[in-house]
Amino acid sequence: MQENLICATISPKDGWAMCPQCGKGKLLMILPDTAVRNLPCKCKRCRQEFLITVVPVPETKVSSA
């Protein structure tokens, strides 16, 4: 991979991390408990390279009153 990687915040769409450059390429599947730090990834559509960081979202517990 090249040395000039782009760091991007990626919003999951239907459980998939979409390419922040073109918005159409599926980079990887993300589950609710997925945790990744500095994962090099390359979009198959636009050929742009990224470093991906995914932080798991804590589940909210609903308490009954």
Protein backbone atom coordinates (compact mmCIF):
# COMPACT_ATOMS: atom_id res chain seq x y z
CA MET A 1 0.00 0.00 0.00
CA GLN A 2 1.05 3.56 -0.52
CA GLU A 3 2.38 5.74 2.27
CA ASN A 4 -0.15 8.55 1.74
CA LEU A 5 -3.23 6.81 3.13
CA ILE A 6 -6.34 8.82 3.95
CA CYS A 7 -7.91 8.56 7.41
CA ALA A 8 -11.67 8.76 7.19
CA THR A 9 -14.74 8.55 9.37
CA ILE A 10 -16.99 5.96 7.81
CA SER A 11 -20.71 5.67 8.46
CA PRO A 12 -22.02 2.12 8.21
CA LYS A 13 -24.88 1.62 5.76
CA ASP A 14 -26.93 -1.56 6.16
CA GLY A 15 -24.07 -3.18 8.09
CA TRP A 16 -21.41 -2.27 5.51
CA ALA A 17 -18.67 0.36 5.65
CA MET A 18 -19.03 2.36 2.44
CA CYS A 19 -16.18 4.15 0.67
CA PRO A 20 -16.00 7.81 1.83
CA GLN A 21 -14.57 8.86 -1.57
CA CYS A 22 -17.10 7.43 -4.05
CA GLY A 23 -19.84 6.35 -1.60
CA LYS A 24 -20.64 3.23 -3.63
CA GLY A 25 -17.91 0.70 -2.85
CA LYS A 26 -18.50 -1.66 0.06
CA LEU A 27 -15.26 -1.80 2.02
CA LEU A 28 -16.11 -4.32 4.74
CA MET A 29 -18.98 -5.76 6.73
CA ILE A 30 -19.46 -4.25 10.20
CA LEU A 31 -21.28 -6.04 13.01
CA PRO A 32 -22.56 -4.14 16.08
CA ASP A 33 -19.62 -5.38 18.19
CA THR A 34 -16.92 -4.89 15.53
CA ALA A 35 -13.80 -3.08 16.76
CA VAL A 36 -10.96 -2.22 14.36
CA ARG A 37 -8.09 0.23 14.59
CA ASN A 38 -6.02 1.47 11.62
CA LEU A 39 -7.11 -1.23 9.18
CA PRO A 40 -5.74 -0.53 5.68
CA CYS A 41 -8.53 -0.86 3.12
CA LYS A 42 -8.83 -0.17 -0.62
CA CYS A 43 -12.03 0.59 -2.53
CA LYS A 44 -12.53 -1.71 -5.51
CA ARG A 45 -14.42 0.96 -7.44
CA CYS A 46 -12.34 4.14 -7.12
CA ARG A 47 -9.03 2.49 -6.06
CA GLN A 48 -8.59 4.94 -3.15
CA GLU A 49 -6.79 3.62 -0.05
CA PHE A 50 -7.95 4.37 3.50
CA LEU A 51 -7.11 3.64 7.12
CA ILE A 52 -10.29 2.56 8.87
CA THR A 53 -11.04 2.77 12.59
CA VAL A 54 -14.31 1.26 13.84
CA VAL A 55 -15.43 1.68 17.45
CA PRO A 56 -18.25 -0.56 18.66
CA VAL A 57 -21.42 1.24 19.68
CA PRO A 58 -22.48 0.32 23.22
CA GLU A 59 -25.96 -1.11 23.46
CA THR A 60 -28.48 0.98 25.33
CA LYS A 61 -30.39 -0.91 27.96
CA VAL A 62 -33.99 0.01 28.55
CA SER A 63 -35.01 -0.24 32.17
CA SER A 64 -38.60 -0.99 33.01
CA ALA A 65 -40.17 1.16 35.68
